Amino acid sequence: MDRDTFIEKTKAKMDEWNAEIAKLEAQARASQADMQDGYRKQLDEMKRQRDEMEAKLREARDSSEKAWGDIREGMEKAWNDMASAFESAMKR
């Protein structure tokens, strides 16, 4: 995947994740007090993962084409890992 495709794909997924986080935050506010702690932990993990991906996105955006070629594989692996972790958190 080239750098521009990675950036666009990541931006789109970040928008989806932010919408899911907002939905979960609303559910947490509406839940009973004993359930709010579980929601909070899940939200914290999701936000941490989102923030890590945003950092990777900045790194990709700031890289030159030559540097992108050097870091592409690591960025794609990070993308796949983050997507899987976020999906797992959403299922919980």
PDB file of N, CA and C in Angstrom:
ATOM      1  N   MET A   1       0.857  -1.163   0.000  1.00  0.00           N
ATOM      2  CA  MET A   1       0.000   0.000   0.000  1.00  0.00           C
ATOM      3  C   MET A   1       0.904   1.227   0.000  1.00  0.00           C
ATOM      4  N   ASP A   2       0.587   2.198  -0.853  1.00  0.00           N
ATOM      5  CA  ASP A   2       1.416   3.398  -0.872  1.00  0.00           C
ATOM      6  C   ASP A   2       1.025   4.343   0.265  1.00  0.00           C
ATOM      7  N   ARG A   3       1.852   5.345   0.485  1.00  0.00           N
ATOM      8  CA  ARG A   3       1.678   6.243   1.629  1.00  0.00           C
ATOM      9  C   ARG A   3       0.331   6.958   1.588  1.00  0.00           C
ATOM     10  N   ASP A   4      -0.042   7.504   0.436  1.00  0.00           N
ATOM     11  CA  ASP A   4      -1.298   8.247   0.345  1.00  0.00           C
ATOM     12  C   ASP A   4      -2.508   7.352   0.600  1.00  0.00           C
ATOM     13  N   THR A   5      -2.467   6.131   0.092  1.00  0.00           N
ATOM     14  CA  THR A   5      -3.547   5.177   0.332  1.00  0.00           C
ATOM     15  C   THR A   5      -3.628   4.843   1.814  1.00  0.00           C
ATOM     16  N   PHE A   6      -2.467   4.608   2.432  1.00  0.00           N
ATOM     17  CA  PHE A   6      -2.432   4.325   3.868  1.00  0.00           C
ATOM     18  C   PHE A   6      -3.043   5.485   4.654  1.00  0.00           C
ATOM     19  N   ILE A   7      -2.662   6.699   4.323  1.00  0.00           N
ATOM     20  CA  ILE A   7      -3.169   7.874   5.034  1.00  0.00           C
ATOM     21  C   ILE A   7      -4.682   7.982   4.887  1.00  0.00           C
ATOM     22  N   GLU A   8      -5.182   7.840   3.683  1.00  0.00           N
ATOM     23  CA  GLU A   8      -6.629   7.943   3.450  1.00  0.00           C
ATOM     24  C   GLU A   8      -7.391   6.830   4.154  1.00  0.00           C
ATOM     25  N   LYS A   9      -6.870   5.620   4.071  1.00  0.00           N
ATOM     26  CA  LYS A   9      -7.510   4.479   4.732  1.00  0.00           C
ATOM     27  C   LYS A   9      -7.536   4.684   6.243  1.00  0.00           C
ATOM     28  N   THR A  10      -6.442   5.172   6.781  1.00  0.00           N
ATOM     29  CA  THR A  10      -6.349   5.408   8.219  1.00  0.00           C
ATOM     30  C   THR A  10      -7.300   6.511   8.654  1.00  0.00           C
ATOM     31  N   LYS A  11      -7.367   7.592   7.894  1.00  0.00           N
ATOM     32  CA  LYS A  11      -8.295   8.681   8.227  1.00  0.00           C
ATOM     33  C   LYS A  11      -9.738   8.176   8.275  1.00  0.00           C
ATOM     34  N   ALA A  12     -10.126   7.397   7.291  1.00  0.00           N
ATOM     35  CA  ALA A  12     -11.497   6.867   7.238  1.00  0.00           C
ATOM     36  C   ALA A  12     -11.773   5.965   8.435  1.00  0.00           C
ATOM     37  N   LYS A  13     -10.823   5.119   8.776  1.00  0.00           N
ATOM     38  CA  LYS A  13     -11.011   4.211   9.905  1.00  0.00           C
ATOM     39  C   LYS A  13     -11.036   4.985  11.216  1.00  0.00           C
ATOM     40  N   MET A  14     -10.229   6.020  11.317  1.00  0.00           N
ATOM     41  CA  MET A  14     -10.225   6.853  12.529  1.00  0.00           C
ATOM     42  C   MET A  14     -11.601   7.493  12.727  1.00  0.00           C
ATOM     43  N   ASP A  15     -12.223   7.934  11.648  1.00  0.00           N
ATOM     44  CA  ASP A  15     -13.574   8.506  11.743  1.00  0.00           C
ATOM     45  C   ASP A  15     -14.560   7.466  12.270  1.00  0.00           C
ATOM     46  N   GLU A  16     -14.459   6.235  11.766  1.00  0.00           N
ATOM     47  CA  GLU A  16     -15.325   5.161  12.257  1.00  0.00           C
ATOM     48  C   GLU A  16     -15.087   4.903  13.743  1.00  0.00           C
ATOM     49  N   TRP A  17     -13.819   4.826  14.126  1.00  0.00           N
ATOM     50  CA  TRP A  17     -13.484   4.562  15.522  1.00  0.00           C
ATOM     51  C   TRP A  17     -13.977   5.677  16.429  1.00  0.00           C
ATOM     52  N   ASN A  18     -13.824   6.919  15.987  1.00  0.00           N
ATOM     53  CA  ASN A  18     -14.304   8.040  16.797  1.00  0.00           C
ATOM     54  C   ASN A  18     -15.819   7.985  16.976  1.00  0.00           C
ATOM     55  N   ALA A  19     -16.543   7.583  15.943  1.00  0.00           N
ATOM     56  CA  ALA A  19     -17.996   7.438  16.051  1.00  0.00           C
ATOM     57  C   ALA A  19     -18.347   6.320  17.036  1.00  0.00           C
ATOM     58  N   GLU A  20     -17.628   5.217  16.977  1.00  0.00           N
ATOM     59  CA  GLU A  20     -17.874   4.108  17.906  1.00  0.00           C
ATOM     60  C   GLU A  20     -17.566   4.519  19.347  1.00  0.00           C
ATOM     61  N   ILE A  21     -16.505   5.273  19.528  1.00  0.00           N
ATOM     62  CA  ILE A  21     -16.152   5.752  20.866  1.00  0.00           C
ATOM     63  C   ILE A  21     -17.257   6.661  21.393  1.00  0.00           C
ATOM     64  N   ALA A  22     -17.752   7.559  20.554  1.00  0.00           N
ATOM     65  CA  ALA A  22     -18.831   8.468  20.971  1.00  0.00           C
ATOM     66  C   ALA A  22     -20.088   7.682  21.342  1.00  0.00           C
ATOM     67  N   LYS A  23     -20.404   6.652  20.566  1.00  0.00           N
ATOM     68  CA  LYS A  23     -21.573   5.819  20.860  1.00  0.00           C
ATOM     69  C   LYS A  23     -21.404   5.105  22.195  1.00  0.00           C
ATOM     70  N   LEU A  24     -20.224   4.576  22.424  1.00  0.00           N
ATOM     71  CA  LEU A  24     -19.954   3.871  23.672  1.00  0.00           C
ATOM     72  C   LEU A  24     -19.974   4.830  24.867  1.00  0.00           C
ATOM     73  N   GLU A  25     -19.479   6.041  24.669  1.00  0.00           N
ATOM     74  CA  GLU A  25     -19.535   7.041  25.738  1.00  0.00           C
ATOM     75  C   GLU A  25     -20.977   7.352  26.117  1.00  0.00           C
ATOM     76  N   ALA A  26     -21.852   7.440  25.125  1.00  0.00           N
ATOM     77  CA  ALA A  26     -23.271   7.690  25.396  1.00  0.00           C
ATOM     78  C   ALA A  26     -23.884   6.519  26.160  1.00  0.00           C
ATOM     79  N   GLN A  27     -23.523   5.300  25.779  1.00  0.00           N
ATOM     80  CA  GLN A  27     -24.021   4.125  26.486  1.00  0.00           C
ATOM     81  C   GLN A  27     -23.523   4.110  27.924  1.00  0.00           C
ATOM     82  N   ALA A  28     -22.283   4.521  28.113  1.00  0.00           N
ATOM     83  CA  ALA A  28     -21.711   4.551  29.465  1.00  0.00           C
ATOM     84  C   ALA A  28     -22.464   5.548  30.344  1.00  0.00           C
ATOM     85  N   ARG A  29     -22.761   6.710  29.789  1.00  0.00           N
ATOM     86  CA  ARG A  29     -23.492   7.726  30.559  1.00  0.00           C
ATOM     87  C   ARG A  29     -24.877   7.242  30.940  1.00  0.00           C
ATOM     88  N   ALA A  30     -25.490   6.434  30.088  1.00  0.00           N
ATOM     89  CA  ALA A  30     -26.850   5.963  30.318  1.00  0.00           C
ATOM     90  C   ALA A  30     -26.899   4.685  31.157  1.00  0.00           C
ATOM     91  N   SER A  31     -25.757   4.077  31.400  1.00  0.00           N
ATOM     92  CA  SER A  31     -25.736   2.798  32.107  1.00  0.00           C
ATOM     93  C   SER A  31     -25.810   2.991  33.615  1.00  0.00           C
ATOM     94  N   GLN A  32     -26.060   1.887  34.284  1.00  0.00           N
ATOM     95  CA  GLN A  32     -26.096   1.895  35.739  1.00  0.00           C
ATOM     96  C   GLN A  32     -24.677   2.086  36.270  1.00  0.00           C
ATOM     97  N   ALA A  33     -24.576   2.607  37.466  1.00  0.00           N
ATOM     98  CA  ALA A  33     -23.283   2.937  38.058  1.00  0.00           C
ATOM     99  C   ALA A  33     -22.331   1.743  38.086  1.00  0.00           C
ATOM    100  N   ASP A  34     -22.833   0.549  38.370  1.00  0.00           N
ATOM    101  CA  ASP A  34     -21.951  -0.618  38.468  1.00  0.00           C
ATOM    102  C   ASP A  34     -21.377  -1.032  37.113  1.00  0.00           C
ATOM    103  N   MET A  35     -22.000  -0.624  36.029  1.00  0.00           N
ATOM    104  CA  MET A  35     -21.514  -0.954  34.696  1.00  0.00           C
ATOM    105  C   MET A  35     -20.592   0.130  34.140  1.00  0.00           C
ATOM    106  N   GLN A  36     -20.631   1.317  34.711  1.00  0.00           N
ATOM    107  CA  GLN A  36     -19.863   2.426  34.158  1.00  0.00           C
ATOM    108  C   GLN A  36     -18.361   2.189  34.226  1.00  0.00           C
ATOM    109  N   ASP A  37     -17.891   1.502  35.251  1.00  0.00           N
ATOM    110  CA  ASP A  37     -16.457   1.238  35.358  1.00  0.00           C
ATOM    111  C   ASP A  37     -15.976   0.379  34.185  1.00  0.00           C
ATOM    112  N   GLY A  38     -16.747  -0.624  33.821  1.00  0.00           N
ATOM    113  CA  GLY A  38     -16.388  -1.465  32.674  1.00  0.00           C
ATOM    114  C   GLY A  38     -16.358  -0.668  31.382  1.00  0.00           C
ATOM    115  N   TYR A  39     -17.356   0.193  31.205  1.00  0.00           N
ATOM    116  CA  TYR A  39     -17.367   1.052  30.027  1.00  0.00           C
ATOM    117  C   TYR A  39     -16.144   1.959  30.018  1.00  0.00           C
ATOM    118  N   ARG A  40     -15.819   2.535  31.175  1.00  0.00           N
ATOM    119  CA  ARG A  40     -14.691   3.454  31.260  1.00  0.00           C
ATOM    120  C   ARG A  40     -13.384   2.764  30.876  1.00  0.00           C
ATOM    121  N   LYS A  41     -13.187   1.548  31.364  1.00  0.00           N
ATOM    122  CA  LYS A  41     -11.967   0.807  31.033  1.00  0.00           C
ATOM    123  C   LYS A  41     -11.888   0.523  29.536  1.00  0.00           C
ATOM    124  N   GLN A  42     -13.007   0.115  28.970  1.00  0.00           N
ATOM    125  CA  GLN A  42     -13.044  -0.172  27.541  1.00  0.00           C
ATOM    126  C   GLN A  42     -12.796   1.097  26.734  1.00  0.00           C
ATOM    127  N   LEU A  43     -13.416   2.191  27.136  1.00  0.00           N
ATOM    128  CA  LEU A  43     -13.213   3.462  26.441  1.00  0.00           C
ATOM    129  C   LEU A  43     -11.765   3.918  26.535  1.00  0.00           C
ATOM    130  N   ASP A  44     -11.163   3.776  27.693  1.00  0.00           N
ATOM    131  CA  ASP A  44      -9.766   4.171  27.853  1.00  0.00           C
ATOM    132  C   ASP A  44      -8.863   3.386  26.913  1.00  0.00           C
ATOM    133  N   GLU A  45      -9.113   2.086  26.793  1.00  0.00           N
ATOM    134  CA  GLU A  45      -8.309   1.243  25.905  1.00  0.00           C
ATOM    135  C   GLU A  45      -8.524   1.644  24.444  1.00  0.00           C
ATOM    136  N   MET A  46      -9.753   1.884  24.068  1.00  0.00           N
ATOM    137  CA  MET A  46     -10.051   2.273  22.693  1.00  0.00           C
ATOM    138  C   MET A  46      -9.408   3.614  22.356  1.00  0.00           C
ATOM    139  N   LYS A  47      -9.466   4.551  23.279  1.00  0.00           N
ATOM    140  CA  LYS A  47      -8.859   5.866  23.047  1.00  0.00           C
ATOM    141  C   LYS A  47      -7.340   5.750  22.960  1.00  0.00           C
ATOM    142  N   ARG A  48      -6.752   4.876  23.775  1.00  0.00           N
ATOM    143  CA  ARG A  48      -5.306   4.669  23.720  1.00  0.00           C
ATOM    144  C   ARG A  48      -4.904   4.124  22.349  1.00  0.00           C
ATOM    145  N   GLN A  49      -5.661   3.153  21.862  1.00  0.00           N
ATOM    146  CA  GLN A  49      -5.378   2.572  20.556  1.00  0.00           C
ATOM    147  C   GLN A  49      -5.561   3.604  19.449  1.00  0.00           C
ATOM    148  N   ARG A  50      -6.612   4.396  19.550  1.00  0.00           N
ATOM    149  CA  ARG A  50      -6.853   5.444  18.555  1.00  0.00           C
ATOM    150  C   ARG A  50      -5.705   6.449  18.551  1.00  0.00           C
ATOM    151  N   ASP A  51      -5.253   6.834  19.737  1.00  0.00           N
ATOM    152  CA  ASP A  51      -4.167   7.808  19.841  1.00  0.00           C
ATOM    153  C   ASP A  51      -2.870   7.257  19.244  1.00  0.00           C
ATOM    154  N   GLU A  52      -2.607   5.972  19.455  1.00  0.00           N
ATOM    155  CA  GLU A  52      -1.425   5.353  18.867  1.00  0.00           C
ATOM    156  C   GLU A  52      -1.513   5.371  17.342  1.00  0.00           C
ATOM    157  N   MET A  53      -2.688   5.101  16.825  1.00  0.00           N
ATOM    158  CA  MET A  53      -2.842   5.104  15.374  1.00  0.00           C
ATOM    159  C   MET A  53      -2.725   6.512  14.830  1.00  0.00           C
ATOM    160  N   GLU A  54      -3.214   7.504  15.548  1.00  0.00           N
ATOM    161  CA  GLU A  54      -3.055   8.889  15.109  1.00  0.00           C
ATOM    162  C   GLU A  54      -1.575   9.264  15.035  1.00  0.00           C
ATOM    163  N   ALA A  55      -0.782   8.784  15.980  1.00  0.00           N
ATOM    164  CA  ALA A  55       0.657   9.044  15.948  1.00  0.00           C
ATOM    165  C   ALA A  55       1.286   8.391  14.719  1.00  0.00           C
ATOM    166  N   LYS A  56       0.868   7.174  14.407  1.00  0.00           N
ATOM    167  CA  LYS A  56       1.379   6.492  13.216  1.00  0.00           C
ATOM    168  C   LYS A  56       0.958   7.244  11.951  1.00  0.00           C
ATOM    169  N   LEU A  57      -0.251   7.772  11.952  1.00  0.00           N
ATOM    170  CA  LEU A  57      -0.724   8.533  10.808  1.00  0.00           C
ATOM    171  C   LEU A  57       0.126   9.786  10.610  1.00  0.00           C
ATOM    172  N   ARG A  58       0.432  10.479  11.690  1.00  0.00           N
ATOM    173  CA  ARG A  58       1.298  11.660  11.590  1.00  0.00           C
ATOM    174  C   ARG A  58       2.673  11.278  11.051  1.00  0.00           C
ATOM    175  N   GLU A  59       3.193  10.154  11.530  1.00  0.00           N
ATOM    176  CA  GLU A  59       4.493   9.679  11.060  1.00  0.00           C
ATOM    177  C   GLU A  59       4.455   9.402   9.556  1.00  0.00           C
ATOM    178  N   ALA A  60       3.395   8.756   9.105  1.00  0.00           N
ATOM    179  CA  ALA A  60       3.267   8.456   7.677  1.00  0.00           C
ATOM    180  C   ALA A  60       3.125   9.740   6.873  1.00  0.00           C
ATOM    181  N   ARG A  61       2.324  10.660   7.362  1.00  0.00           N
ATOM    182  CA  ARG A  61       2.084  11.913   6.649  1.00  0.00           C
ATOM    183  C   ARG A  61       3.367  12.735   6.538  1.00  0.00           C
ATOM    184  N   ASP A  62       4.196  12.694   7.578  1.00  0.00           N
ATOM    185  CA  ASP A  62       5.415  13.500   7.610  1.00  0.00           C
ATOM    186  C   ASP A  62       6.595  12.843   6.901  1.00  0.00           C
ATOM    187  N   SER A  63       6.453  11.583   6.533  1.00  0.00           N
ATOM    188  CA  SER A  63       7.569  10.879   5.903  1.00  0.00           C
ATOM    189  C   SER A  63       7.675  11.253   4.430  1.00  0.00           C
ATOM    190  N   SER A  64       8.873  11.196   3.926  1.00  0.00           N
ATOM    191  CA  SER A  64       9.076  11.377   2.495  1.00  0.00           C
ATOM    192  C   SER A  64       8.718  10.069   1.796  1.00  0.00           C
ATOM    193  N   GLU A  65       8.615  10.120   0.497  1.00  0.00           N
ATOM    194  CA  GLU A  65       8.317   8.887  -0.258  1.00  0.00           C
ATOM    195  C   GLU A  65       9.408   7.845  -0.020  1.00  0.00           C
ATOM    196  N   LYS A  66      10.665   8.280   0.018  1.00  0.00           N
ATOM    197  CA  LYS A  66      11.763   7.337   0.243  1.00  0.00           C
ATOM    198  C   LYS A  66      11.665   6.735   1.644  1.00  0.00           C
ATOM    199  N   ALA A  67      11.412   7.572   2.629  1.00  0.00           N
ATOM    200  CA  ALA A  67      11.280   7.079   4.003  1.00  0.00           C
ATOM    201  C   ALA A  67      10.066   6.169   4.122  1.00  0.00           C
ATOM    202  N   TRP A  68       8.994   6.493   3.419  1.00  0.00           N
ATOM    203  CA  TRP A  68       7.797   5.646   3.459  1.00  0.00           C
ATOM    204  C   TRP A  68       8.134   4.233   3.017  1.00  0.00           C
ATOM    205  N   GLY A  69       8.933   4.117   1.985  1.00  0.00           N
ATOM    206  CA  GLY A  69       9.332   2.793   1.522  1.00  0.00           C
ATOM    207  C   GLY A  69      10.046   2.005   2.605  1.00  0.00           C
ATOM    208  N   ASP A  70      10.810   2.695   3.432  1.00  0.00           N
ATOM    209  CA  ASP A  70      11.541   2.034   4.506  1.00  0.00           C
ATOM    210  C   ASP A  70      10.642   1.646   5.681  1.00  0.00           C
ATOM    211  N   ILE A  71       9.600   2.423   5.950  1.00  0.00           N
ATOM    212  CA  ILE A  71       8.772   2.163   7.136  1.00  0.00           C
ATOM    213  C   ILE A  71       7.416   1.534   6.809  1.00  0.00           C
ATOM    214  N   ARG A  72       7.125   1.367   5.522  1.00  0.00           N
ATOM    215  CA  ARG A  72       5.813   0.889   5.080  1.00  0.00           C
ATOM    216  C   ARG A  72       5.386  -0.414   5.756  1.00  0.00           C
ATOM    217  N   GLU A  73       6.257  -1.394   5.763  1.00  0.00           N
ATOM    218  CA  GLU A  73       5.889  -2.699   6.320  1.00  0.00           C
ATOM    219  C   GLU A  73       5.515  -2.579   7.797  1.00  0.00           C
ATOM    220  N   GLY A  74       6.297  -1.830   8.545  1.00  0.00           N
ATOM    221  CA  GLY A  74       5.997  -1.635   9.962  1.00  0.00           C
ATOM    222  C   GLY A  74       4.697  -0.892  10.175  1.00  0.00           C
ATOM    223  N   MET A  75       4.422   0.081   9.324  1.00  0.00           N
ATOM    224  CA  MET A  75       3.185   0.848   9.438  1.00  0.00           C
ATOM    225  C   MET A  75       1.973  -0.029   9.126  1.00  0.00           C
ATOM    226  N   GLU A  76       2.083  -0.855   8.101  1.00  0.00           N
ATOM    227  CA  GLU A  76       0.973  -1.738   7.756  1.00  0.00           C
ATOM    228  C   GLU A  76       0.718  -2.756   8.861  1.00  0.00           C
ATOM    229  N   LYS A  77       1.784  -3.274   9.465  1.00  0.00           N
ATOM    230  CA  LYS A  77       1.613  -4.205  10.578  1.00  0.00           C
ATOM    231  C   LYS A  77       0.946  -3.497  11.752  1.00  0.00           C
ATOM    232  N   ALA A  78       1.386  -2.275  12.039  1.00  0.00           N
ATOM    233  CA  ALA A  78       0.780  -1.503  13.131  1.00  0.00           C
ATOM    234  C   ALA A  78      -0.699  -1.268  12.845  1.00  0.00           C
ATOM    235  N   TRP A  79      -1.019  -0.961  11.595  1.00  0.00           N
ATOM    236  CA  TRP A  79      -2.417  -0.751  11.208  1.00  0.00           C
ATOM    237  C   TRP A  79      -3.241  -2.009  11.483  1.00  0.00           C
ATOM    238  N   ASN A  80      -2.740  -3.158  11.027  1.00  0.00           N
ATOM    239  CA  ASN A  80      -3.474  -4.411  11.220  1.00  0.00           C
ATOM    240  C   ASN A  80      -3.634  -4.758  12.695  1.00  0.00           C
ATOM    241  N   ASP A  81      -2.579  -4.558  13.467  1.00  0.00           N
ATOM    242  CA  ASP A  81      -2.640  -4.824  14.903  1.00  0.00           C
ATOM    243  C   ASP A  81      -3.652  -3.915  15.588  1.00  0.00           C
ATOM    244  N   MET A  82      -3.626  -2.642  15.247  1.00  0.00           N
ATOM    245  CA  MET A  82      -4.534  -1.683  15.874  1.00  0.00           C
ATOM    246  C   MET A  82      -5.985  -1.978  15.484  1.00  0.00           C
ATOM    247  N   ALA A  83      -6.211  -2.281  14.236  1.00  0.00           N
ATOM    248  CA  ALA A  83      -7.567  -2.582  13.783  1.00  0.00           C
ATOM    249  C   ALA A  83      -8.104  -3.814  14.509  1.00  0.00           C
ATOM    250  N   SER A  84      -7.288  -4.839  14.644  1.00  0.00           N
ATOM    251  CA  SER A  84      -7.723  -6.053  15.339  1.00  0.00           C
ATOM    252  C   SER A  84      -8.013  -5.786  16.804  1.00  0.00           C
ATOM    253  N   ALA A  85      -7.141  -5.032  17.449  1.00  0.00           N
ATOM    254  CA  ALA A  85      -7.330  -4.721  18.866  1.00  0.00           C
ATOM    255  C   ALA A  85      -8.580  -3.881  19.074  1.00  0.00           C
ATOM    256  N   PHE A  86      -8.811  -2.924  18.199  1.00  0.00           N
ATOM    257  CA  PHE A  86      -9.986  -2.067  18.331  1.00  0.00           C
ATOM    258  C   PHE A  86     -11.261  -2.868  18.119  1.00  0.00           C
ATOM    259  N   GLU A  87     -11.248  -3.745  17.127  1.00  0.00           N
ATOM    260  CA  GLU A  87     -12.408  -4.598  16.862  1.00  0.00           C
ATOM    261  C   GLU A  87     -12.706  -5.488  18.060  1.00  0.00           C
ATOM    262  N   SER A  88     -11.661  -6.048  18.687  1.00  0.00           N
ATOM    263  CA  SER A  88     -11.852  -6.886  19.862  1.00  0.00           C
ATOM    264  C   SER A  88     -12.453  -6.095  21.012  1.00  0.00           C
ATOM    265  N   ALA A  89     -11.966  -4.876  21.196  1.00  0.00           N
ATOM    266  CA  ALA A  89     -12.507  -4.035  22.266  1.00  0.00           C
ATOM    267  C   ALA A  89     -13.964  -3.718  22.013  1.00  0.00           C
ATOM    268  N   MET A  90     -14.342  -3.504  20.779  1.00  0.00           N
ATOM    269  CA  MET A  90     -15.734  -3.194  20.442  1.00  0.00           C
ATOM    270  C   MET A  90     -16.640  -4.405  20.722  1.00  0.00           C
ATOM    271  N   LYS A  91     -16.134  -5.594  20.523  1.00  0.00           N
ATOM    272  CA  LYS A  91     -16.943  -6.790  20.759  1.00  0.00           C
ATOM    273  C   LYS A  91     -17.194  -7.034  22.232  1.00  0.00           C
ATOM    274  N   ARG A  92     -16.244  -6.584  23.076  1.00  0.00           N
ATOM    275  CA  ARG A  92     -16.408  -6.747  24.525  1.00  0.00           C
ATOM    276  C   ARG A  92     -17.420  -5.761  24.998  1.00  0.00           C
TER     277      ARG A  92
END
